[in-house]
PDB file of N, CA and C in Angstrom:
ATOM      1  N   UNK A   1       3.296  -9.628 -11.226  1.00  0.00           N
ATOM      2  CA  UNK A   1       3.244  -9.677  -9.783  1.00  0.00           C
ATOM      3  C   UNK A   1       1.845 -10.096  -9.336  1.00  0.00           C
ATOM      4  N   UNK A   2       1.767 -11.023  -8.416  1.00  0.00           N
ATOM      5  CA  UNK A   2       0.487 -11.459  -7.878  1.00  0.00           C
ATOM      6  C   UNK A   2       0.007 -10.580  -6.736  1.00  0.00           C
ATOM      7  N   UNK A   3       0.924  -9.958  -6.024  1.00  0.00           N
ATOM      8  CA  UNK A   3       0.589  -9.093  -4.899  1.00  0.00           C
ATOM      9  C   UNK A   3       1.415  -7.813  -4.985  1.00  0.00           C
ATOM     10  N   UNK A   4       0.911  -6.709  -4.421  1.00  0.00           N
ATOM     11  CA  UNK A   4       1.671  -5.472  -4.496  1.00  0.00           C
ATOM     12  C   UNK A   4       2.927  -5.464  -3.628  1.00  0.00           C
ATOM     13  N   UNK A   5       2.952  -6.275  -2.582  1.00  0.00           N
ATOM     14  CA  UNK A   5       4.134  -6.359  -1.715  1.00  0.00           C
ATOM     15  C   UNK A   5       4.283  -7.815  -1.278  1.00  0.00           C
ATOM     16  N   UNK A   6       5.509  -8.252  -1.069  1.00  0.00           N
ATOM     17  CA  UNK A   6       5.739  -9.635  -0.676  1.00  0.00           C
ATOM     18  C   UNK A   6       5.109  -9.922   0.673  1.00  0.00           C
ATOM     19  N   UNK A   7       4.553 -11.106   0.806  1.00  0.00           N
ATOM     20  CA  UNK A   7       3.960 -11.513   2.085  1.00  0.00           C
ATOM     21  C   UNK A   7       5.057 -11.597   3.143  1.00  0.00           C
ATOM     22  N   UNK A   8       4.747 -11.138   4.333  1.00  0.00           N
ATOM     23  CA  UNK A   8       5.665 -11.177   5.477  1.00  0.00           C
ATOM     24  C   UNK A   8       6.954 -10.386   5.259  1.00  0.00           C
ATOM     25  N   UNK A   9       6.929  -9.409   4.378  1.00  0.00           N
ATOM     26  CA  UNK A   9       8.103  -8.567   4.149  1.00  0.00           C
ATOM     27  C   UNK A   9       8.264  -7.624   5.328  1.00  0.00           C
ATOM     28  N   UNK A  10       9.425  -7.636   5.952  1.00  0.00           N
ATOM     29  CA  UNK A  10       9.716  -6.766   7.093  1.00  0.00           C
ATOM     30  C   UNK A  10      10.670  -5.669   6.624  1.00  0.00           C
ATOM     31  N   UNK A  11      10.123  -4.483   6.411  1.00  0.00           N
ATOM     32  CA  UNK A  11      10.940  -3.336   6.035  1.00  0.00           C
ATOM     33  C   UNK A  11      11.343  -2.595   7.300  1.00  0.00           C
ATOM     34  N   UNK A  12      12.559  -2.059   7.297  1.00  0.00           N
ATOM     35  CA  UNK A  12      13.072  -1.413   8.490  1.00  0.00           C
ATOM     36  C   UNK A  12      14.008  -0.270   8.115  1.00  0.00           C
ATOM     37  N   UNK A  13      14.245   0.618   9.063  1.00  0.00           N
ATOM     38  CA  UNK A  13      15.222   1.696   8.875  1.00  0.00           C
ATOM     39  C   UNK A  13      16.645   1.197   9.057  1.00  0.00           C
ATOM     40  N   UNK A  14      16.801  -0.017   9.550  1.00  0.00           N
ATOM     41  CA  UNK A  14      18.128  -0.568   9.812  1.00  0.00           C
ATOM     42  C   UNK A  14      18.758  -1.235   8.598  1.00  0.00           C
ATOM     43  N   UNK A  15      18.103  -1.153   7.444  1.00  0.00           N
ATOM     44  CA  UNK A  15      18.668  -1.738   6.239  1.00  0.00           C
ATOM     45  C   UNK A  15      20.014  -1.082   5.948  1.00  0.00           C
ATOM     46  N   UNK A  16      20.903  -1.798   5.310  1.00  0.00           N
ATOM     47  CA  UNK A  16      22.279  -1.333   5.137  1.00  0.00           C
ATOM     48  C   UNK A  16      22.429  -0.184   4.146  1.00  0.00           C
ATOM     49  N   UNK A  17      22.024  -0.405   2.923  1.00  0.00           N
ATOM     50  CA  UNK A  17      22.374   0.520   1.845  1.00  0.00           C
ATOM     51  C   UNK A  17      21.314   1.605   1.647  1.00  0.00           C
ATOM     52  N   UNK A  18      21.700   2.871   1.888  1.00  0.00           N
ATOM     53  CA  UNK A  18      20.804   4.002   1.655  1.00  0.00           C
ATOM     54  C   UNK A  18      20.772   4.323   0.173  1.00  0.00           C
ATOM     55  N   UNK A  19      19.671   4.926  -0.266  1.00  0.00           N
ATOM     56  CA  UNK A  19      19.591   5.406  -1.641  1.00  0.00           C
ATOM     57  C   UNK A  19      20.474   6.640  -1.766  1.00  0.00           C
ATOM     58  N   UNK A  20      21.216   6.726  -2.863  1.00  0.00           N
ATOM     59  CA  UNK A  20      22.090   7.881  -3.083  1.00  0.00           C
ATOM     60  C   UNK A  20      21.263   9.156  -3.229  1.00  0.00           C
ATOM     61  N   UNK A  21      20.171   9.085  -3.988  1.00  0.00           N
ATOM     62  CA  UNK A  21      19.287  10.232  -4.180  1.00  0.00           C
ATOM     63  C   UNK A  21      17.849   9.776  -3.920  1.00  0.00           C
ATOM     64  N   UNK A  22      17.257  10.162  -2.795  1.00  0.00           N
ATOM     65  CA  UNK A  22      15.909   9.694  -2.448  1.00  0.00           C
ATOM     66  C   UNK A  22      14.786  10.409  -3.204  1.00  0.00           C
ATOM     67  N   UNK A  23      15.111  11.329  -4.089  1.00  0.00           N
ATOM     68  CA  UNK A  23      14.091  12.115  -4.789  1.00  0.00           C
ATOM     69  C   UNK A  23      13.150  11.234  -5.596  1.00  0.00           C
ATOM     70  N   UNK A  24      13.691  10.293  -6.362  1.00  0.00           N
ATOM     71  CA  UNK A  24      12.851   9.426  -7.191  1.00  0.00           C
ATOM     72  C   UNK A  24      11.924   8.588  -6.320  1.00  0.00           C
ATOM     73  N   UNK A  25      12.434   8.055  -5.218  1.00  0.00           N
ATOM     74  CA  UNK A  25      11.609   7.264  -4.303  1.00  0.00           C
ATOM     75  C   UNK A  25      10.436   8.102  -3.791  1.00  0.00           C
ATOM     76  N   UNK A  26      10.720   9.324  -3.395  1.00  0.00           N
ATOM     77  CA  UNK A  26       9.674  10.198  -2.869  1.00  0.00           C
ATOM     78  C   UNK A  26       8.634  10.532  -3.934  1.00  0.00           C
ATOM     79  N   UNK A  27       9.068  10.725  -5.167  1.00  0.00           N
ATOM     80  CA  UNK A  27       8.126  11.002  -6.266  1.00  0.00           C
ATOM     81  C   UNK A  27       7.229   9.798  -6.526  1.00  0.00           C
ATOM     82  N   UNK A  28       7.825   8.619  -6.535  1.00  0.00           N
ATOM     83  CA  UNK A  28       7.056   7.389  -6.778  1.00  0.00           C
ATOM     84  C   UNK A  28       6.002   7.204  -5.692  1.00  0.00           C
ATOM     85  N   UNK A  29       6.399   7.357  -4.439  1.00  0.00           N
ATOM     86  CA  UNK A  29       5.463   7.160  -3.335  1.00  0.00           C
ATOM     87  C   UNK A  29       4.359   8.218  -3.376  1.00  0.00           C
ATOM     88  N   UNK A  30       4.697   9.450  -3.710  1.00  0.00           N
ATOM     89  CA  UNK A  30       3.687  10.501  -3.826  1.00  0.00           C
ATOM     90  C   UNK A  30       2.658  10.189  -4.893  1.00  0.00           C
ATOM     91  N   UNK A  31       3.107   9.693  -6.024  1.00  0.00           N
ATOM     92  CA  UNK A  31       2.179   9.341  -7.100  1.00  0.00           C
ATOM     93  C   UNK A  31       1.362   8.110  -6.740  1.00  0.00           C
ATOM     94  N   UNK A  32       1.964   7.165  -6.043  1.00  0.00           N
ATOM     95  CA  UNK A  32       1.213   5.987  -5.609  1.00  0.00           C
ATOM     96  C   UNK A  32       0.158   6.356  -4.569  1.00  0.00           C
ATOM     97  N   UNK A  33       0.465   7.324  -3.702  1.00  0.00           N
ATOM     98  CA  UNK A  33      -0.538   7.771  -2.729  1.00  0.00           C
ATOM     99  C   UNK A  33      -1.749   8.358  -3.440  1.00  0.00           C
ATOM    100  N   UNK A  34      -1.514   9.112  -4.475  1.00  0.00           N
ATOM    101  CA  UNK A  34      -2.624   9.661  -5.264  1.00  0.00           C
ATOM    102  C   UNK A  34      -3.421   8.540  -5.926  1.00  0.00           C
ATOM    103  N   UNK A  35      -2.731   7.515  -6.379  1.00  0.00           N
ATOM    104  CA  UNK A  35      -3.386   6.401  -7.061  1.00  0.00           C
ATOM    105  C   UNK A  35      -4.254   5.566  -6.119  1.00  0.00           C
ATOM    106  N   UNK A  36      -3.984   5.613  -4.829  1.00  0.00           N
ATOM    107  CA  UNK A  36      -4.791   4.824  -3.881  1.00  0.00           C
ATOM    108  C   UNK A  36      -6.237   5.299  -3.799  1.00  0.00           C
ATOM    109  N   UNK A  37      -6.523   6.483  -4.307  1.00  0.00           N
ATOM    110  CA  UNK A  37      -7.909   6.971  -4.300  1.00  0.00           C
ATOM    111  C   UNK A  37      -8.805   6.049  -5.119  1.00  0.00           C
ATOM    112  N   UNK A  38      -8.316   5.613  -6.268  1.00  0.00           N
ATOM    113  CA  UNK A  38      -9.117   4.729  -7.118  1.00  0.00           C
ATOM    114  C   UNK A  38      -8.668   3.272  -7.045  1.00  0.00           C
ATOM    115  N   UNK A  39      -7.558   3.000  -6.400  1.00  0.00           N
ATOM    116  CA  UNK A  39      -7.054   1.634  -6.257  1.00  0.00           C
ATOM    117  C   UNK A  39      -6.730   1.359  -4.791  1.00  0.00           C
ATOM    118  N   UNK A  40      -7.757   1.194  -3.972  1.00  0.00           N
ATOM    119  CA  UNK A  40      -7.516   1.033  -2.536  1.00  0.00           C
ATOM    120  C   UNK A  40      -6.769  -0.248  -2.171  1.00  0.00           C
ATOM    121  N   UNK A  41      -6.679  -1.199  -3.064  1.00  0.00           N
ATOM    122  CA  UNK A  41      -6.002  -2.454  -2.756  1.00  0.00           C
ATOM    123  C   UNK A  41      -4.487  -2.284  -2.657  1.00  0.00           C
ATOM    124  N   UNK A  42      -3.938  -1.140  -3.042  1.00  0.00           N
ATOM    125  CA  UNK A  42      -2.507  -0.902  -2.855  1.00  0.00           C
ATOM    126  C   UNK A  42      -2.251   0.011  -1.657  1.00  0.00           C
ATOM    127  N   UNK A  43      -3.291   0.386  -0.941  1.00  0.00           N
ATOM    128  CA  UNK A  43      -3.156   1.333   0.173  1.00  0.00           C
ATOM    129  C   UNK A  43      -2.205   0.843   1.257  1.00  0.00           C
ATOM    130  N   UNK A  44      -2.325  -0.410   1.639  1.00  0.00           N
ATOM    131  CA  UNK A  44      -1.450  -0.935   2.692  1.00  0.00           C
ATOM    132  C   UNK A  44       0.008  -0.842   2.264  1.00  0.00           C
ATOM    133  N   UNK A  45       0.298  -1.279   1.057  1.00  0.00           N
ATOM    134  CA  UNK A  45       1.678  -1.267   0.572  1.00  0.00           C
ATOM    135  C   UNK A  45       2.240   0.145   0.500  1.00  0.00           C
ATOM    136  N   UNK A  46       1.448   1.064  -0.035  1.00  0.00           N
ATOM    137  CA  UNK A  46       1.897   2.446  -0.179  1.00  0.00           C
ATOM    138  C   UNK A  46       2.082   3.085   1.196  1.00  0.00           C
ATOM    139  N   UNK A  47       1.166   2.805   2.117  1.00  0.00           N
ATOM    140  CA  UNK A  47       1.298   3.340   3.467  1.00  0.00           C
ATOM    141  C   UNK A  47       2.570   2.825   4.123  1.00  0.00           C
ATOM    142  N   UNK A  48       2.837   1.552   3.961  1.00  0.00           N
ATOM    143  CA  UNK A  48       4.043   0.957   4.546  1.00  0.00           C
ATOM    144  C   UNK A  48       5.294   1.611   3.972  1.00  0.00           C
ATOM    145  N   UNK A  49       5.325   1.819   2.664  1.00  0.00           N
ATOM    146  CA  UNK A  49       6.499   2.412   2.021  1.00  0.00           C
ATOM    147  C   UNK A  49       6.649   3.891   2.349  1.00  0.00           C
ATOM    148  N   UNK A  50       5.553   4.580   2.601  1.00  0.00           N
ATOM    149  CA  UNK A  50       5.626   6.005   2.905  1.00  0.00           C
ATOM    150  C   UNK A  50       6.221   6.268   4.289  1.00  0.00           C
ATOM    151  N   UNK A  51       6.338   5.261   5.117  1.00  0.00           N
ATOM    152  CA  UNK A  51       6.945   5.420   6.431  1.00  0.00           C
ATOM    153  C   UNK A  51       8.450   5.642   6.350  1.00  0.00           C
ATOM    154  N   UNK A  52       9.026   5.418   5.172  1.00  0.00           N
ATOM    155  CA  UNK A  52      10.484   5.512   5.012  1.00  0.00           C
ATOM    156  C   UNK A  52      10.889   6.656   4.086  1.00  0.00           C
ATOM    157  N   UNK A  53      10.064   7.682   3.982  1.00  0.00           N
ATOM    158  CA  UNK A  53      10.364   8.801   3.078  1.00  0.00           C
ATOM    159  C   UNK A  53      11.581   9.610   3.522  1.00  0.00           C
ATOM    160  N   UNK A  54      11.859   9.667   4.801  1.00  0.00           N
ATOM    161  CA  UNK A  54      12.970  10.493   5.276  1.00  0.00           C
ATOM    162  C   UNK A  54      14.330   9.915   4.887  1.00  0.00           C
ATOM    163  N   UNK A  55      14.509   8.618   5.049  1.00  0.00           N
ATOM    164  CA  UNK A  55      15.775   7.975   4.681  1.00  0.00           C
ATOM    165  C   UNK A  55      15.504   6.626   4.019  1.00  0.00           C
ATOM    166  N   UNK A  56      15.074   6.640   2.764  1.00  0.00           N
ATOM    167  CA  UNK A  56      14.770   5.378   2.089  1.00  0.00           C
ATOM    168  C   UNK A  56      16.031   4.566   1.798  1.00  0.00           C
ATOM    169  N   UNK A  57      15.853   3.288   1.804  1.00  0.00           N
ATOM    170  CA  UNK A  57      16.953   2.345   1.522  1.00  0.00           C
ATOM    171  C   UNK A  57      16.704   1.686   0.170  1.00  0.00           C
ATOM    172  N   UNK A  58      17.678   0.955  -0.298  1.00  0.00           N
ATOM    173  CA  UNK A  58      17.564   0.267  -1.590  1.00  0.00           C
ATOM    174  C   UNK A  58      16.433  -0.758  -1.550  1.00  0.00           C
ATOM    175  N   UNK A  59      16.267  -1.453  -0.427  1.00  0.00           N
ATOM    176  CA  UNK A  59      15.189  -2.448  -0.320  1.00  0.00           C
ATOM    177  C   UNK A  59      13.817  -1.783  -0.391  1.00  0.00           C
ATOM    178  N   UNK A  60      13.713  -0.566   0.106  1.00  0.00           N
ATOM    179  CA  UNK A  60      12.450   0.163   0.026  1.00  0.00           C
ATOM    180  C   UNK A  60      12.128   0.514  -1.428  1.00  0.00           C
ATOM    181  N   UNK A  61      13.156   0.904  -2.175  1.00  0.00           N
ATOM    182  CA  UNK A  61      12.963   1.213  -3.599  1.00  0.00           C
ATOM    183  C   UNK A  61      12.544  -0.035  -4.364  1.00  0.00           C
ATOM    184  N   UNK A  62      13.141  -1.169  -4.048  1.00  0.00           N
ATOM    185  CA  UNK A  62      12.748  -2.429  -4.717  1.00  0.00           C
ATOM    186  C   UNK A  62      11.283  -2.756  -4.420  1.00  0.00           C
ATOM    187  N   UNK A  63      10.858  -2.523  -3.191  1.00  0.00           N
ATOM    188  CA  UNK A  63       9.458  -2.778  -2.831  1.00  0.00           C
ATOM    189  C   UNK A  63       8.528  -1.815  -3.568  1.00  0.00           C
ATOM    190  N   UNK A  64       8.945  -0.549  -3.725  1.00  0.00           N
ATOM    191  CA  UNK A  64       8.137   0.434  -4.464  1.00  0.00           C
ATOM    192  C   UNK A  64       8.037   0.042  -5.936  1.00  0.00           C
ATOM    193  N   UNK A  65       9.124  -0.455  -6.496  1.00  0.00           N
ATOM    194  CA  UNK A  65       9.106  -0.906  -7.892  1.00  0.00           C
ATOM    195  C   UNK A  65       8.181  -2.102  -8.063  1.00  0.00           C
ATOM    196  N   UNK A  66       8.119  -2.957  -7.064  1.00  0.00           N
ATOM    197  CA  UNK A  66       7.198  -4.106  -7.127  1.00  0.00           C
ATOM    198  C   UNK A  66       5.751  -3.619  -7.159  1.00  0.00           C
ATOM    199  N   UNK A  67       5.417  -2.603  -6.367  1.00  0.00           N
ATOM    200  CA  UNK A  67       4.065  -2.052  -6.381  1.00  0.00           C
ATOM    201  C   UNK A  67       3.754  -1.489  -7.764  1.00  0.00           C
ATOM    202  N   UNK A  68       4.705  -0.789  -8.362  1.00  0.00           N
ATOM    203  CA  UNK A  68       4.500  -0.253  -9.718  1.00  0.00           C
ATOM    204  C   UNK A  68       4.271  -1.367 -10.727  1.00  0.00           C
ATOM    205  N   UNK A  69       5.044  -2.449 -10.612  1.00  0.00           N
ATOM    206  CA  UNK A  69       4.871  -3.585 -11.523  1.00  0.00           C
ATOM    207  C   UNK A  69       3.505  -4.222 -11.328  1.00  0.00           C
ATOM    208  N   UNK A  70       3.051  -4.299 -10.086  1.00  0.00           N
ATOM    209  CA  UNK A  70       1.743  -4.868  -9.800  1.00  0.00           C
ATOM    210  C   UNK A  70       0.638  -4.016 -10.428  1.00  0.00           C
ATOM    211  N   UNK A  71       0.728  -2.702 -10.253  1.00  0.00           N
ATOM    212  CA  UNK A  71      -0.282  -1.802 -10.827  1.00  0.00           C
ATOM    213  C   UNK A  71      -0.276  -1.906 -12.348  1.00  0.00           C
ATOM    214  N   UNK A  72       0.903  -2.020 -12.933  1.00  0.00           N
ATOM    215  CA  UNK A  72       1.011  -2.144 -14.391  1.00  0.00           C
ATOM    216  C   UNK A  72       0.387  -3.445 -14.888  1.00  0.00           C
ATOM    217  N   UNK A  73       0.457  -4.509 -14.084  1.00  0.00           N
ATOM    218  CA  UNK A  73      -0.042  -5.812 -14.521  1.00  0.00           C
ATOM    219  C   UNK A  73      -1.563  -5.940 -14.428  1.00  0.00           C
ATOM    220  N   UNK A  74      -2.232  -5.012 -13.766  1.00  0.00           N
ATOM    221  CA  UNK A  74      -3.691  -5.102 -13.620  1.00  0.00           C
ATOM    222  C   UNK A  74      -4.339  -3.754 -13.927  1.00  0.00           C
ATOM    223  N   UNK A  75      -4.289  -3.302 -15.183  1.00  0.00           N
ATOM    224  CA  UNK A  75      -4.793  -1.964 -15.515  1.00  0.00           C
ATOM    225  C   UNK A  75      -6.312  -1.827 -15.418  1.00  0.00           C
ATOM    226  N   UNK A  76      -7.060  -2.907 -15.486  1.00  0.00           N
ATOM    227  CA  UNK A  76      -8.518  -2.820 -15.459  1.00  0.00           C
ATOM    228  C   UNK A  76      -9.116  -2.816 -14.068  1.00  0.00           C
ATOM    229  N   UNK A  77      -8.282  -2.957 -13.048  1.00  0.00           N
ATOM    230  CA  UNK A  77      -8.808  -2.997 -11.692  1.00  0.00           C
ATOM    231  C   UNK A  77      -8.931  -1.590 -11.131  1.00  0.00           C
ATOM    232  N   UNK A  78      -9.816  -1.417 -10.217  1.00  0.00           N
ATOM    233  CA  UNK A  78     -10.050  -0.132  -9.579  1.00  0.00           C
ATOM    234  C   UNK A  78     -11.415  -0.166  -8.929  1.00  0.00           C
ATOM    235  N   UNK A  79     -11.894   0.954  -8.482  1.00  0.00           N
ATOM    236  CA  UNK A  79     -13.210   1.004  -7.854  1.00  0.00           C
ATOM    237  C   UNK A  79     -14.288   0.920  -8.922  1.00  0.00           C
ATOM    238  N   UNK A  80     -15.219   0.002  -8.724  1.00  0.00           N
ATOM    239  CA  UNK A  80     -16.345  -0.169  -9.639  1.00  0.00           C
ATOM    240  C   UNK A  80     -17.622  -0.070  -8.820  1.00  0.00           C
ATOM    241  N   UNK A  81     -18.537   0.764  -9.238  1.00  0.00           N
ATOM    242  CA  UNK A  81     -19.818   0.895  -8.564  1.00  0.00           C
ATOM    243  C   UNK A  81     -20.879   0.207  -9.387  1.00  0.00           C
ATOM    244  N   UNK A  82     -21.456  -0.842  -8.823  1.00  0.00           N
ATOM    245  CA  UNK A  82     -22.477  -1.622  -9.507  1.00  0.00           C
ATOM    246  C   UNK A  82     -23.842  -1.024  -9.171  1.00  0.00           C
ATOM    247  N   UNK A  83     -24.632  -0.759 -10.187  1.00  0.00           N
ATOM    248  CA  UNK A  83     -25.904  -0.058 -10.003  1.00  0.00           C
ATOM    249  C   UNK A  83     -27.017  -0.961  -9.477  1.00  0.00           C
ATOM    250  N   UNK A  84     -26.962  -2.253  -9.735  1.00  0.00           N
ATOM    251  CA  UNK A  84     -28.093  -3.116  -9.402  1.00  0.00           C
ATOM    252  C   UNK A  84     -27.820  -4.023  -8.195  1.00  0.00           C
ATOM    253  N   UNK A  85     -27.200  -3.488  -7.144  1.00  0.00           N
ATOM    254  CA  UNK A  85     -26.996  -4.260  -5.925  1.00  0.00           C
ATOM    255  C   UNK A  85     -27.760  -3.609  -4.778  1.00  0.00           C
ATOM    256  N   UNK A  86     -27.994  -4.382  -3.731  1.00  0.00           N
ATOM    257  CA  UNK A  86     -28.654  -3.842  -2.548  1.00  0.00           C
ATOM    258  C   UNK A  86     -27.729  -2.841  -1.873  1.00  0.00           C
ATOM    259  N   UNK A  87     -28.306  -1.765  -1.388  1.00  0.00           N
ATOM    260  CA  UNK A  87     -27.529  -0.755  -0.675  1.00  0.00           C
ATOM    261  C   UNK A  87     -27.401  -1.228   0.771  1.00  0.00           C
ATOM    262  N   UNK A  88     -26.308  -1.915   1.034  1.00  0.00           N
ATOM    263  CA  UNK A  88     -26.062  -2.472   2.353  1.00  0.00           C
ATOM    264  C   UNK A  88     -24.619  -2.170   2.729  1.00  0.00           C
ATOM    265  N   UNK A  89     -24.397  -1.665   3.913  1.00  0.00           N
ATOM    266  CA  UNK A  89     -23.079  -1.272   4.358  1.00  0.00           C
ATOM    267  C   UNK A  89     -22.376  -2.440   5.041  1.00  0.00           C
ATOM    268  N   UNK A  90     -21.142  -2.744   4.593  1.00  0.00           N
ATOM    269  CA  UNK A  90     -20.294  -3.777   5.197  1.00  0.00           C
ATOM    270  C   UNK A  90     -18.961  -3.141   5.535  1.00  0.00           C
ATOM    271  N   UNK A  91     -18.381  -3.514   6.653  1.00  0.00           N
ATOM    272  CA  UNK A  91     -17.057  -3.020   7.028  1.00  0.00           C
ATOM    273  C   UNK A  91     -16.227  -4.173   7.571  1.00  0.00           C
ATOM    274  N   UNK A  92     -14.944  -4.187   7.239  1.00  0.00           N
ATOM    275  CA  UNK A  92     -14.013  -5.201   7.702  1.00  0.00           C
ATOM    276  C   UNK A  92     -12.751  -4.493   8.194  1.00  0.00           C
ATOM    277  N   UNK A  93     -12.126  -5.066   9.204  1.00  0.00           N
ATOM    278  CA  UNK A  93     -10.894  -4.482   9.731  1.00  0.00           C
ATOM    279  C   UNK A  93      -9.931  -5.584  10.132  1.00  0.00           C
ATOM    280  N   UNK A  94      -8.653  -5.237  10.187  1.00  0.00           N
ATOM    281  CA  UNK A  94      -7.616  -6.182  10.591  1.00  0.00           C
ATOM    282  C   UNK A  94      -6.524  -5.408  11.313  1.00  0.00           C
ATOM    283  N   UNK A  95      -5.921  -6.025  12.306  1.00  0.00           N
ATOM    284  CA  UNK A  95      -4.849  -5.382  13.063  1.00  0.00           C
ATOM    285  C   UNK A  95      -3.688  -6.345  13.220  1.00  0.00           C
ATOM    286  N   UNK A  96      -2.509  -5.788  13.288  1.00  0.00           N
ATOM    287  CA  UNK A  96      -1.300  -6.564  13.545  1.00  0.00           C
ATOM    288  C   UNK A  96      -0.571  -5.833  14.675  1.00  0.00           C
ATOM    289  N   UNK A  97      -0.654  -6.368  15.865  1.00  0.00           N
ATOM    290  CA  UNK A  97      -0.134  -5.683  17.041  1.00  0.00           C
ATOM    291  C   UNK A  97       1.391  -5.696  17.061  1.00  0.00           C
ATOM    292  N   UNK A  98       1.977  -4.528  17.246  1.00  0.00           N
ATOM    293  CA  UNK A  98       3.428  -4.344  17.367  1.00  0.00           C
ATOM    294  C   UNK A  98       4.172  -4.892  16.156  1.00  0.00           C
ATOM    295  N   UNK A  99       3.634  -4.688  14.972  1.00  0.00           N
ATOM    296  CA  UNK A  99       4.212  -5.256  13.760  1.00  0.00           C
ATOM    297  C   UNK A  99       5.415  -4.482  13.240  1.00  0.00           C
ATOM    298  N   UNK A 100       5.508  -3.195  13.534  1.00  0.00           N
ATOM    299  CA  UNK A 100       6.615  -2.388  13.032  1.00  0.00           C
ATOM    300  C   UNK A 100       7.885  -2.733  13.810  1.00  0.00           C
ATOM    301  N   UNK A 101       8.946  -3.196  13.115  1.00  0.00           N
ATOM    302  CA  UNK A 101      10.161  -3.588  13.836  1.00  0.00           C
ATOM    303  C   UNK A 101      10.920  -2.399  14.431  1.00  0.00           C
ATOM    304  N   UNK A 102      10.672  -1.183  13.947  1.00  0.00           N
ATOM    305  CA  UNK A 102      11.387  -0.014  14.446  1.00  0.00           C
ATOM    306  C   UNK A 102      10.706   0.613  15.655  1.00  0.00           C
ATOM    307  N   UNK A 103       9.393   0.801  15.579  1.00  0.00           N
ATOM    308  CA  UNK A 103       8.677   1.518  16.633  1.00  0.00           C
ATOM    309  C   UNK A 103       7.809   0.609  17.491  1.00  0.00           C
ATOM    310  N   UNK A 104       7.623  -0.634  17.077  1.00  0.00           N
ATOM    311  CA  UNK A 104       6.740  -1.593  17.753  1.00  0.00           C
ATOM    312  C   UNK A 104       5.301  -1.113  17.775  1.00  0.00           C
ATOM    313  N   UNK A 105       4.946  -0.250  16.833  1.00  0.00           N
ATOM    314  CA  UNK A 105       3.567   0.220  16.719  1.00  0.00           C
ATOM    315  C   UNK A 105       2.730  -0.819  15.984  1.00  0.00           C
ATOM    316  N   UNK A 106       1.469  -0.751  16.220  1.00  0.00           N
ATOM    317  CA  UNK A 106       0.539  -1.654  15.560  1.00  0.00           C
ATOM    318  C   UNK A 106       0.144  -1.094  14.205  1.00  0.00           C
ATOM    319  N   UNK A 107      -0.196  -1.976  13.285  1.00  0.00           N
ATOM    320  CA  UNK A 107      -0.723  -1.557  11.990  1.00  0.00           C
ATOM    321  C   UNK A 107      -2.158  -2.045  11.883  1.00  0.00           C
ATOM    322  N   UNK A 108      -2.993  -1.184  11.363  1.00  0.00           N
ATOM    323  CA  UNK A 108      -4.414  -1.495  11.232  1.00  0.00           C
ATOM    324  C   UNK A 108      -4.867  -1.099   9.840  1.00  0.00           C
ATOM    325  N   UNK A 109      -5.757  -1.883   9.284  1.00  0.00           N
ATOM    326  CA  UNK A 109      -6.337  -1.533   7.993  1.00  0.00           C
ATOM    327  C   UNK A 109      -7.830  -1.852   8.032  1.00  0.00           C
ATOM    328  N   UNK A 110      -8.564  -1.269   7.092  1.00  0.00           N
ATOM    329  CA  UNK A 110      -9.999  -1.496   7.052  1.00  0.00           C
ATOM    330  C   UNK A 110     -10.493  -1.315   5.626  1.00  0.00           C
ATOM    331  N   UNK A 111     -11.674  -1.816   5.362  1.00  0.00           N
ATOM    332  CA  UNK A 111     -12.346  -1.545   4.095  1.00  0.00           C
ATOM    333  C   UNK A 111     -13.845  -1.462   4.369  1.00  0.00           C
ATOM    334  N   UNK A 112     -14.489  -0.565   3.635  1.00  0.00           N
ATOM    335  CA  UNK A 112     -15.925  -0.352   3.785  1.00  0.00           C
ATOM    336  C   UNK A 112     -16.572  -0.501   2.416  1.00  0.00           C
ATOM    337  N   UNK A 113     -17.650  -1.285   2.369  1.00  0.00           N
ATOM    338  CA  UNK A 113     -18.368  -1.553   1.132  1.00  0.00           C
ATOM    339  C   UNK A 113     -19.786  -1.018   1.227  1.00  0.00           C
ATOM    340  N   UNK A 114     -20.314  -0.529   0.126  1.00  0.00           N
ATOM    341  CA  UNK A 114     -21.749  -0.308  -0.041  1.00  0.00           C
ATOM    342  C   UNK A 114     -22.174  -1.279  -1.124  1.00  0.00           C
ATOM    343  N   UNK A 115     -22.964  -2.248  -0.743  1.00  0.00           N
ATOM    344  CA  UNK A 115     -23.301  -3.335  -1.662  1.00  0.00           C
ATOM    345  C   UNK A 115     -22.038  -4.131  -1.925  1.00  0.00           C
ATOM    346  N   UNK A 116     -21.675  -4.299  -3.176  1.00  0.00           N
ATOM    347  CA  UNK A 116     -20.456  -5.015  -3.529  1.00  0.00           C
ATOM    348  C   UNK A 116     -19.345  -4.070  -3.953  1.00  0.00           C
ATOM    349  N   UNK A 117     -19.537  -2.763  -3.783  1.00  0.00           N
ATOM    350  CA  UNK A 117     -18.549  -1.766  -4.208  1.00  0.00           C
ATOM    351  C   UNK A 117     -17.805  -1.194  -3.015  1.00  0.00           C
ATOM    352  N   UNK A 118     -16.490  -1.231  -3.095  1.00  0.00           N
ATOM    353  CA  UNK A 118     -15.681  -0.683  -2.015  1.00  0.00           C
ATOM    354  C   UNK A 118     -15.684   0.847  -2.129  1.00  0.00           C
ATOM    355  N   UNK A 119     -15.820   1.512  -0.960  1.00  0.00           N
ATOM    356  CA  UNK A 119     -15.836   2.968  -0.973  1.00  0.00           C
ATOM    357  C   UNK A 119     -14.702   3.561  -0.143  1.00  0.00           C
ATOM    358  N   UNK A 120     -14.122   2.759   0.734  1.00  0.00           N
ATOM    359  CA  UNK A 120     -13.012   3.259   1.543  1.00  0.00           C
ATOM    360  C   UNK A 120     -12.166   2.095   2.024  1.00  0.00           C
TER     361      UNK A 120
END
């Protein structure tokens, strides 16, 4: 997998087929949330998938499996702190207004760097 989630993927509660047993989906998302501490590049995907914990659909499970495949394909990635860089704070943010098809809420993400190392 090149990305943790497909570009322009619109997940919704209106999907047809519900998961018969949502327990596995909830376990996967819980473990992925823990993994975002050291792998912040999957945070957006995991956050998006965690919005459907109450009634997950089959498409949500497929998206969660894609995130797992992505994490499996890049085991050496994670937070790296480089000792010989300038201590300079950088922050970036992005917003997508009314992006959620169910609630019309906006989604926002950000990243903060010290030198070349991401910290949040």
